[in-house]
Amino acid sequence: MMAYSEDHIALAAEYALGTLDADERAQVETMMSVDKDFTAMVQAWEHKLGVLNQMVGSVEPRPEVWDRIRTAVELSQPQASLVLPEAPPPPVASEVVEPAAAVASSNVLRLSTQARRWRNVATFMTAIAAALVAMIAVGIYQPDLLPDRIRPKPRTQVVEVKAPPAATPPSAQYVAVLQKEGGSPAFILTVDGATRNFTVRKVGASAEPGKSFELWLISDKLQRPRSLGVIGGGDFTTRPVLAAYDANVINAATYAVTIEQAGGSPDGNPHSAPVFAGKLIETVPPAAAAPSSSPAR
């Protein structure tokens, strides 16, 4: 494609805009008939500006606007015929313009025409941009004012609402007072019915030097006592070892404390008679299941 001046480019743009007068349009159409590259440039401008025009969307004027236009046309007076001015007489020698001045005047005229064309193009582009901004703003804040074919479609947003987790119902709680027969409590054993973790609280027992208290589970369903571990020196000892046993075994067993060597029994068997013992009793029952409501008839 051959290189075109800014004047040619502006001329092609104004032709696409439709702002040229009759002589200029005839000039462009003559150039298009003999220059395929110039024709392609005009078509490119028509495509660019046509796309912008389609984005704005057409607005049908109100009926009263057309009535005013018809009234104005009927009242307008016919124009007088165009009278061409007479050609001026040939200039005398003293009035001959210097060549340099004529060239400067021609340059000024060409630049003025070119500037006018580019101003027309810039004005049209600015108007299109302003219309687009206005259309976007209306589409966001007042979409009902837009024609149906360019009105944005409503968006459906799905919001997932998660119900809060149901509160865990309280589990059954069991307690055993470990003491000598007829004596004061030495330890209190508490068992959680859901987790089967147990806690031993030291109440009145004191370990002998070099000795340890060890807790045992004794059941007729087991062949021998099972160690539940050494009771620590603090006020509370918590362990999860009861989770390995069946609930019926846990609830019916006897819990006993023996005095063993420091650190507990070395072979998993008790080496002294129980000094404190007790059985579990239920202190807090499990949460009752909510009754299912039958449908009304």
Protein backbone atom coordinates (compact mmCIF):
# COMPACT_ATOMS: atom_id res chain seq x y z
CA MET A 1 0.00 0.00 0.00
CA MET A 2 1.33 3.42 -0.93
CA ALA A 3 2.02 6.03 1.75
CA TYR A 4 -0.65 8.75 2.10
CA SER A 5 -0.34 12.18 3.65
CA GLU A 6 -2.27 13.20 6.73
CA ASP A 7 -4.49 15.27 4.47
CA HIS A 8 -5.51 12.18 2.49
CA ILE A 9 -6.12 10.19 5.70
CA ALA A 10 -8.29 12.96 7.15
CA LEU A 11 -10.16 13.22 3.86
CA ALA A 12 -10.94 9.49 3.95
CA ALA A 13 -12.10 9.75 7.57
CA GLU A 14 -14.42 12.69 6.85
CA TYR A 15 -15.85 10.83 3.87
CA ALA A 16 -16.71 7.93 6.19
CA LEU A 17 -18.24 10.43 8.65
CA GLY A 18 -20.29 12.11 5.93
CA THR A 19 -19.09 15.64 6.73
CA LEU A 20 -17.61 16.56 3.31
CA ASP A 21 -19.28 18.93 0.92
CA ALA A 22 -20.33 17.83 -2.57
CA ASP A 23 -17.08 18.82 -4.29
CA GLU A 24 -14.93 17.07 -1.71
CA ARG A 25 -17.05 13.91 -1.87
CA ALA A 26 -16.73 13.92 -5.66
CA GLN A 27 -12.96 14.27 -5.27
CA VAL A 28 -12.81 11.31 -2.87
CA GLU A 29 -15.01 9.14 -5.07
CA THR A 30 -12.82 9.94 -8.08
CA MET A 31 -9.71 8.88 -6.12
CA MET A 32 -11.48 5.70 -5.00
CA SER A 33 -12.32 4.79 -8.61
CA VAL A 34 -8.66 4.84 -9.64
CA ASP A 35 -6.84 3.95 -6.41
CA LYS A 36 -7.66 0.61 -4.74
CA ASP A 37 -5.42 1.37 -1.74
CA PHE A 38 -7.24 4.63 -1.07
CA THR A 39 -10.56 2.75 -1.37
CA ALA A 40 -9.35 0.24 1.22
CA MET A 41 -8.40 3.08 3.58
CA VAL A 42 -11.89 4.64 3.25
CA GLN A 43 -13.52 1.27 3.92
CA ALA A 44 -11.31 0.79 7.00
CA TRP A 45 -12.52 4.12 8.39
CA GLU A 46 -16.15 3.15 7.64
CA HIS A 47 -15.64 -0.11 9.53
CA LYS A 48 -14.06 1.58 12.59
CA LEU A 49 -16.64 4.33 12.85
CA GLY A 50 -19.53 2.00 11.98
CA VAL A 51 -18.67 -0.30 14.89
CA LEU A 52 -18.66 2.64 17.31
CA ASN A 53 -21.99 3.82 15.95
CA GLN A 54 -23.55 0.37 16.44
CA MET A 55 -22.38 0.27 20.06
CA VAL A 56 -24.32 3.42 20.90
CA GLY A 57 -27.69 2.16 19.72
CA SER A 58 -30.38 4.12 17.91
CA VAL A 59 -32.95 6.26 19.72
CA GLU A 60 -36.25 6.99 17.95
CA PRO A 61 -37.19 10.70 18.22
CA ARG A 62 -40.54 11.52 19.75
CA PRO A 63 -43.45 12.18 17.30
CA GLU A 64 -43.57 15.87 18.22
CA VAL A 65 -39.97 16.30 17.02
CA TRP A 66 -40.93 15.13 13.51
CA ASP A 67 -43.95 17.50 13.55
CA ARG A 68 -41.70 20.46 14.35
CA ILE A 69 -39.31 19.52 11.52
CA ARG A 70 -42.16 19.32 8.99
CA THR A 71 -43.52 22.67 10.16
CA ALA A 72 -40.09 24.29 9.86
CA VAL A 73 -39.65 22.92 6.31
CA GLU A 74 -43.05 24.19 5.18
CA LEU A 75 -42.38 27.68 6.56
CA SER A 76 -38.90 27.96 5.05
CA GLN A 77 -38.60 30.27 2.05
CA PRO A 78 -37.14 28.98 -1.22
CA GLN A 79 -33.53 29.97 -1.59
CA ALA A 80 -32.48 32.39 -4.24
CA SER A 81 -30.50 31.02 -7.15
CA LEU A 82 -26.77 31.03 -6.70
CA VAL A 83 -25.07 33.90 -8.53
CA LEU A 84 -21.39 33.40 -9.16
CA PRO A 85 -19.22 36.46 -8.66
CA GLU A 86 -17.60 38.04 -11.71
CA ALA A 87 -13.98 37.16 -12.31
CA PRO A 88 -11.66 39.92 -11.09
CA PRO A 89 -9.62 41.84 -13.72
CA PRO A 90 -6.06 40.63 -14.25
CA PRO A 91 -3.68 42.18 -11.74
CA VAL A 92 -1.25 44.86 -12.79
CA ALA A 93 2.47 44.28 -12.35
CA SER A 94 2.57 46.10 -9.02
CA GLU A 95 -0.12 43.83 -7.65
CA VAL A 96 1.61 40.58 -8.60
CA VAL A 97 2.19 38.54 -5.44
CA GLU A 98 5.67 37.41 -4.85
CA PRO A 99 6.15 33.63 -5.43
CA ALA A 100 7.25 33.09 -1.84
CA ALA A 101 4.14 34.80 -0.49
CA ALA A 102 1.89 32.71 -2.78
CA VAL A 103 3.50 29.50 -1.58
CA ALA A 104 3.07 30.57 2.06
CA SER A 105 -0.58 31.39 1.47
CA SER A 106 -1.11 27.98 -0.17
CA ASN A 107 0.53 26.23 2.79
CA VAL A 108 -1.62 28.12 5.27
CA LEU A 109 -4.78 27.18 3.34
CA ARG A 110 -3.75 23.51 3.14
CA LEU A 111 -2.93 23.35 6.86
CA SER A 112 -6.19 25.08 7.73
CA THR A 113 -8.18 22.54 5.69
CA GLN A 114 -6.27 19.64 7.21
CA ALA A 115 -6.79 20.95 10.74
CA ARG A 116 -10.51 21.37 10.09
CA ARG A 117 -10.78 17.78 8.89
CA TRP A 118 -8.97 16.35 11.88
CA ARG A 119 -11.07 18.49 14.21
CA ASN A 120 -14.20 17.01 12.65
CA VAL A 121 -12.87 13.48 13.12
CA ALA A 122 -11.82 14.19 16.72
CA THR A 123 -15.18 15.78 17.52
CA PHE A 124 -17.06 12.74 16.20
CA MET A 125 -14.85 10.31 18.11
CA THR A 126 -15.28 12.33 21.31
CA ALA A 127 -19.06 12.31 20.88
CA ILE A 128 -19.07 8.55 20.37
CA ALA A 129 -16.90 8.04 23.47
CA ALA A 130 -19.16 10.28 25.56
CA ALA A 131 -22.21 8.39 24.35
CA LEU A 132 -20.59 5.08 25.28
CA VAL A 133 -19.77 6.35 28.78
CA ALA A 134 -23.34 7.57 29.22
CA MET A 135 -24.74 4.25 27.98
CA ILE A 136 -22.53 2.29 30.39
CA ALA A 137 -23.56 4.50 33.31
CA VAL A 138 -27.25 4.13 32.46
CA GLY A 139 -26.77 0.36 32.10
CA ILE A 140 -25.33 0.19 35.60
CA TYR A 141 -27.62 2.53 37.51
CA GLN A 142 -30.87 2.70 35.44
CA PRO A 143 -30.88 -0.20 32.94
CA ASP A 144 -34.65 0.11 32.40
CA LEU A 145 -34.06 3.30 30.36
CA LEU A 146 -32.12 1.42 27.66
CA PRO A 147 -33.75 -0.25 24.62
CA ASP A 148 -34.41 -3.97 25.04
CA ARG A 149 -31.76 -5.10 22.53
CA ILE A 150 -28.88 -3.38 24.36
CA ARG A 151 -30.20 -3.68 27.92
CA PRO A 152 -27.82 -5.81 30.03
CA LYS A 153 -29.24 -9.14 31.10
CA PRO A 154 -29.83 -9.51 34.84
CA ARG A 155 -27.29 -11.67 36.60
CA THR A 156 -28.41 -14.42 38.90
CA GLN A 157 -26.12 -14.86 41.85
CA VAL A 158 -26.39 -18.05 43.84
CA VAL A 159 -25.58 -17.57 47.50
CA GLU A 160 -24.89 -20.64 49.54
CA VAL A 161 -26.00 -20.26 53.13
CA LYS A 162 -24.44 -22.78 55.41
CA ALA A 163 -26.42 -23.73 58.46
CA PRO A 164 -24.46 -23.53 61.71
CA PRO A 165 -23.28 -26.89 62.92
CA ALA A 166 -25.64 -28.56 65.31
CA ALA A 167 -24.55 -28.38 68.89
CA THR A 168 -23.07 -31.63 70.14
CA PRO A 169 -25.45 -33.09 72.71
CA PRO A 170 -23.90 -33.69 76.11
CA SER A 171 -22.69 -37.25 76.61
CA ALA A 172 -23.25 -39.41 79.64
CA GLN A 173 -20.83 -38.87 82.53
CA TYR A 174 -19.76 -41.53 85.05
CA VAL A 175 -17.93 -41.16 88.35
CA ALA A 176 -16.40 -43.57 90.86
CA VAL A 177 -15.18 -42.72 94.36
CA LEU A 178 -12.06 -44.77 95.08
CA GLN A 179 -11.66 -45.31 98.82
CA LYS A 180 -11.03 -47.87 101.51
CA GLU A 181 -14.13 -49.61 102.84
CA GLY A 182 -15.75 -47.16 105.19
CA GLY A 183 -12.89 -44.67 104.76
CA SER A 184 -12.72 -41.21 103.26
CA PRO A 185 -12.31 -40.78 99.46
CA ALA A 186 -8.73 -41.09 98.21
CA PHE A 187 -9.36 -40.58 94.46
CA ILE A 188 -12.33 -39.61 92.26
CA LEU A 189 -12.49 -41.26 88.83
CA THR A 190 -14.54 -39.56 86.10
CA VAL A 191 -15.30 -41.21 82.71
CA ASP A 192 -16.79 -39.50 79.63
CA GLY A 193 -19.37 -41.79 78.02
CA ALA A 194 -18.69 -40.56 74.46
CA THR A 195 -14.88 -40.43 74.32
CA ARG A 196 -14.27 -42.94 77.17
CA ASN A 197 -11.43 -40.74 78.38
CA PHE A 198 -11.00 -40.81 82.13
CA THR A 199 -9.67 -38.38 84.71
CA VAL A 200 -8.38 -39.28 88.16
CA ARG A 201 -8.44 -36.55 90.77
CA LYS A 202 -6.34 -37.05 93.87
CA VAL A 203 -8.34 -36.17 96.97
CA GLY A 204 -6.78 -37.53 100.14
CA ALA A 205 -4.15 -40.13 99.17
CA SER A 206 -0.41 -39.57 99.67
CA ALA A 207 2.17 -41.76 97.94
CA GLU A 208 4.93 -43.39 99.94
CA PRO A 209 8.53 -42.48 99.08
CA GLY A 210 9.82 -44.66 96.25
CA LYS A 211 6.32 -45.96 95.50
CA SER A 212 3.59 -45.17 92.92
CA PHE A 213 -0.15 -45.51 92.85
CA GLU A 214 -1.37 -47.56 89.85
CA LEU A 215 -4.98 -47.77 88.61
CA TRP A 216 -6.46 -51.14 87.51
CA LEU A 217 -9.63 -52.23 85.72
CA ILE A 218 -11.06 -55.49 87.16
CA SER A 219 -13.88 -57.29 85.32
CA ASP A 220 -15.25 -60.83 85.32
CA LYS A 221 -15.19 -60.59 81.51
CA LEU A 222 -11.39 -60.28 81.56
CA GLN A 223 -8.97 -63.01 82.59
CA ARG A 224 -6.87 -60.69 84.77
CA PRO A 225 -6.77 -57.06 85.96
CA ARG A 226 -5.74 -54.57 83.29
CA SER A 227 -3.48 -51.66 84.17
CA LEU A 228 -4.79 -48.17 83.33
CA GLY A 229 -1.45 -46.57 84.16
CA VAL A 230 0.32 -44.88 87.04
CA ILE A 231 -1.51 -42.04 88.75
CA GLY A 232 0.60 -38.91 88.45
CA GLY A 233 1.86 -36.78 91.27
CA GLY A 234 -0.39 -33.82 90.39
CA ASP A 235 -3.99 -33.27 91.39
CA PHE A 236 -5.36 -34.52 88.04
CA THR A 237 -4.34 -37.40 85.74
CA THR A 238 -6.13 -37.76 82.38
CA ARG A 239 -5.75 -40.68 79.96
CA PRO A 240 -7.64 -42.18 76.98
CA VAL A 241 -6.84 -45.86 77.51
CA LEU A 242 -10.45 -46.85 78.27
CA ALA A 243 -11.32 -46.37 74.58
CA ALA A 244 -9.94 -49.88 73.96
CA TYR A 245 -12.68 -51.48 76.09
CA ASP A 246 -16.35 -52.23 75.49
CA ALA A 247 -18.85 -49.88 77.15
CA ASN A 248 -20.44 -52.75 79.09
CA VAL A 249 -17.04 -53.71 80.49
CA ILE A 250 -16.27 -50.14 81.48
CA ASN A 251 -19.61 -49.53 83.19
CA ALA A 252 -19.67 -52.80 85.17
CA ALA A 253 -15.99 -53.03 86.14
CA THR A 254 -14.37 -52.37 89.49
CA TYR A 255 -11.61 -49.78 89.57
CA ALA A 256 -8.84 -50.38 92.07
CA VAL A 257 -5.62 -48.64 93.12
CA THR A 258 -2.54 -50.57 94.25
CA ILE A 259 0.81 -49.41 95.59
CA GLU A 260 3.58 -50.42 93.22
CA GLN A 261 7.27 -49.67 92.90
CA ALA A 262 8.22 -46.27 91.50
CA GLY A 263 7.06 -46.09 87.88
CA GLY A 264 4.44 -48.82 88.21
CA SER A 265 4.28 -52.59 87.82
CA PRO A 266 7.14 -53.93 85.69
CA ASP A 267 5.17 -56.88 84.26
CA GLY A 268 1.58 -55.57 83.91
CA ASN A 269 0.33 -57.43 86.99
CA PRO A 270 -0.58 -55.95 90.38
CA HIS A 271 1.99 -56.73 93.13
CA SER A 272 -0.10 -55.73 96.14
CA ALA A 273 -3.70 -55.92 97.26
CA PRO A 274 -5.93 -52.97 96.27
CA VAL A 275 -5.82 -50.17 98.83
CA PHE A 276 -8.66 -48.13 97.25
CA ALA A 277 -11.54 -49.31 95.04
CA GLY A 278 -14.91 -48.22 93.66
CA LYS A 279 -17.46 -48.68 90.85
CA LEU A 280 -18.83 -46.21 88.31
CA ILE A 281 -22.22 -44.61 88.70
CA GLU A 282 -23.96 -42.44 86.13
CA THR A 283 -24.07 -38.77 87.15
CA VAL A 284 -25.21 -37.13 83.88
CA PRO A 285 -27.46 -39.15 81.52
CA PRO A 286 -26.97 -38.96 77.74
CA ALA A 287 -29.06 -36.38 75.84
CA ALA A 288 -32.43 -37.86 74.93
CA ALA A 289 -33.14 -38.02 71.20
CA ALA A 290 -35.74 -35.50 70.06
CA PRO A 291 -39.09 -37.25 69.35
CA SER A 292 -39.96 -37.33 65.64
CA SER A 293 -43.12 -35.41 64.86
CA SER A 294 -45.70 -37.34 62.88
CA PRO A 295 -47.38 -35.51 59.98
CA ALA A 296 -50.77 -34.00 60.73
CA ARG A 297 -53.73 -35.75 59.24
